[in-house]
Amino acid sequence: MKTMVRKWGNSFGIRIPSAYIKEFDLKGGSLVEIKQNRGRLVIIPKKNTLDELLSKVNDKNMQERIDTGSPVGKEEW
């Protein structure tokens, strides 16, 4: 797929086609990494690790514990 480099303020930018937006689950504000590899620009979507996601949990956004009752099979809690 081809796209055009455009001037954006003092920088330049590209539009990412909607097919890639859907495929890589990108949204406005999504972080990506741009690398140079053998004369090519490579855009890599940033995926959060479990530790990064858990670091955002705090007392204000913690949900109440839900009692799911007693085990009904071979669950281990």
C-alpha atoms as a PDB file:
ATOM      1  CA  MET A   1       0.000   0.000   0.000  1.00  0.00           C
ATOM      2  CA  LYS A   2       1.318   3.443  -0.844  1.00  0.00           C
ATOM      3  CA  THR A   3       0.828   6.672   1.060  1.00  0.00           C
ATOM      4  CA  MET A   4       2.276  10.172   0.792  1.00  0.00           C
ATOM      5  CA  VAL A   5       4.565  12.026   3.189  1.00  0.00           C
ATOM      6  CA  ARG A   6       2.986  15.360   4.158  1.00  0.00           C
ATOM      7  CA  LYS A   7       4.244  18.407   6.036  1.00  0.00           C
ATOM      8  CA  TRP A   8       2.800  18.687   9.545  1.00  0.00           C
ATOM      9  CA  GLY A   9       4.008  21.790  11.381  1.00  0.00           C
ATOM     10  CA  ASN A  10       7.812  21.606  11.460  1.00  0.00           C
ATOM     11  CA  SER A  11       7.735  17.834  10.949  1.00  0.00           C
ATOM     12  CA  PHE A  12       6.491  15.394   8.378  1.00  0.00           C
ATOM     13  CA  GLY A  13       3.908  12.668   8.777  1.00  0.00           C
ATOM     14  CA  ILE A  14       2.164   9.869   6.955  1.00  0.00           C
ATOM     15  CA  ARG A  15      -1.407   8.622   7.084  1.00  0.00           C
ATOM     16  CA  ILE A  16      -1.810   5.013   8.042  1.00  0.00           C
ATOM     17  CA  PRO A  17      -4.466   3.327   5.868  1.00  0.00           C
ATOM     18  CA  SER A  18      -7.596   2.163   7.709  1.00  0.00           C
ATOM     19  CA  ALA A  19      -6.908  -1.498   6.866  1.00  0.00           C
ATOM     20  CA  TYR A  20      -3.726  -1.316   8.978  1.00  0.00           C
ATOM     21  CA  ILE A  21      -5.481   0.660  11.713  1.00  0.00           C
ATOM     22  CA  LYS A  22      -7.986  -2.193  12.072  1.00  0.00           C
ATOM     23  CA  GLU A  23      -5.447  -4.996  11.665  1.00  0.00           C
ATOM     24  CA  PHE A  24      -3.138  -3.626  14.385  1.00  0.00           C
ATOM     25  CA  ASP A  25      -5.924  -2.232  16.604  1.00  0.00           C
ATOM     26  CA  LEU A  26      -4.530   1.316  16.516  1.00  0.00           C
ATOM     27  CA  LYS A  27      -6.401   4.321  17.874  1.00  0.00           C
ATOM     28  CA  GLY A  28      -5.722   8.042  18.139  1.00  0.00           C
ATOM     29  CA  GLY A  29      -2.919   8.373  20.660  1.00  0.00           C
ATOM     30  CA  SER A  30      -1.577   4.839  20.123  1.00  0.00           C
ATOM     31  CA  LEU A  31       2.171   4.651  20.605  1.00  0.00           C
ATOM     32  CA  VAL A  32       4.357   3.249  17.848  1.00  0.00           C
ATOM     33  CA  GLU A  33       8.096   2.817  17.522  1.00  0.00           C
ATOM     34  CA  ILE A  34       9.845   3.895  14.318  1.00  0.00           C
ATOM     35  CA  LYS A  35      13.072   2.091  13.444  1.00  0.00           C
ATOM     36  CA  GLN A  36      15.455   2.154  10.549  1.00  0.00           C
ATOM     37  CA  ASN A  37      16.262  -1.303   9.200  1.00  0.00           C
ATOM     38  CA  ARG A  38      18.443  -1.810   6.124  1.00  0.00           C
ATOM     39  CA  GLY A  39      17.398   1.456   4.497  1.00  0.00           C
ATOM     40  CA  ARG A  40      13.714   1.060   5.409  1.00  0.00           C
ATOM     41  CA  LEU A  41      11.502   2.752   7.966  1.00  0.00           C
ATOM     42  CA  VAL A  42       9.662   0.221  10.090  1.00  0.00           C
ATOM     43  CA  ILE A  43       6.666   1.243  12.229  1.00  0.00           C
ATOM     44  CA  ILE A  44       6.054  -1.103  15.164  1.00  0.00           C
ATOM     45  CA  PRO A  45       2.849  -0.797  17.229  1.00  0.00           C
ATOM     46  CA  LYS A  46       3.614  -0.598  20.963  1.00  0.00           C
ATOM     47  CA  LYS A  47       1.918  -3.341  22.942  1.00  0.00           C
ATOM     48  CA  ASN A  48       1.629  -2.966  26.699  1.00  0.00           C
ATOM     49  CA  THR A  49       3.127  -5.687  28.858  1.00  0.00           C
ATOM     50  CA  LEU A  50       1.172  -7.104  31.776  1.00  0.00           C
ATOM     51  CA  ASP A  51       3.463  -5.232  34.184  1.00  0.00           C
ATOM     52  CA  GLU A  52       2.784  -1.932  32.370  1.00  0.00           C
ATOM     53  CA  LEU A  53      -0.965  -2.514  32.529  1.00  0.00           C
ATOM     54  CA  LEU A  54      -0.887  -3.518  36.205  1.00  0.00           C
ATOM     55  CA  SER A  55       1.181  -0.432  37.065  1.00  0.00           C
ATOM     56  CA  LYS A  56      -1.855   1.677  36.104  1.00  0.00           C
ATOM     57  CA  VAL A  57      -4.097   0.011  38.715  1.00  0.00           C
ATOM     58  CA  ASN A  58      -4.628   2.144  41.813  1.00  0.00           C
ATOM     59  CA  ASP A  59      -7.169   2.662  44.610  1.00  0.00           C
ATOM     60  CA  LYS A  60      -9.262   5.012  42.440  1.00  0.00           C
ATOM     61  CA  ASN A  61      -9.769   2.588  39.539  1.00  0.00           C
ATOM     62  CA  MET A  62      -9.779  -0.715  41.462  1.00  0.00           C
ATOM     63  CA  GLN A  63     -13.085  -2.551  41.161  1.00  0.00           C
ATOM     64  CA  GLU A  64     -14.804  -4.273  44.046  1.00  0.00           C
ATOM     65  CA  ARG A  65     -14.181  -7.974  44.519  1.00  0.00           C
ATOM     66  CA  ILE A  66     -16.958 -10.220  43.161  1.00  0.00           C
ATOM     67  CA  ASP A  67     -17.872 -13.404  45.023  1.00  0.00           C
ATOM     68  CA  THR A  68     -18.442 -16.148  42.473  1.00  0.00           C
ATOM     69  CA  GLY A  69     -19.502 -18.734  45.037  1.00  0.00           C
ATOM     70  CA  SER A  70     -18.026 -22.103  45.867  1.00  0.00           C
ATOM     71  CA  PRO A  71     -16.130 -24.226  43.311  1.00  0.00           C
ATOM     72  CA  VAL A  72     -18.417 -26.471  41.247  1.00  0.00           C
ATOM     73  CA  GLY A  73     -15.754 -28.554  39.566  1.00  0.00           C
ATOM     74  CA  LYS A  74     -12.002 -28.922  39.861  1.00  0.00           C
ATOM     75  CA  GLU A  75     -11.199 -25.187  39.982  1.00  0.00           C
ATOM     76  CA  GLU A  76      -8.313 -24.113  42.166  1.00  0.00           C
ATOM     77  CA  TRP A  77      -8.605 -20.687  43.796  1.00  0.00           C
END
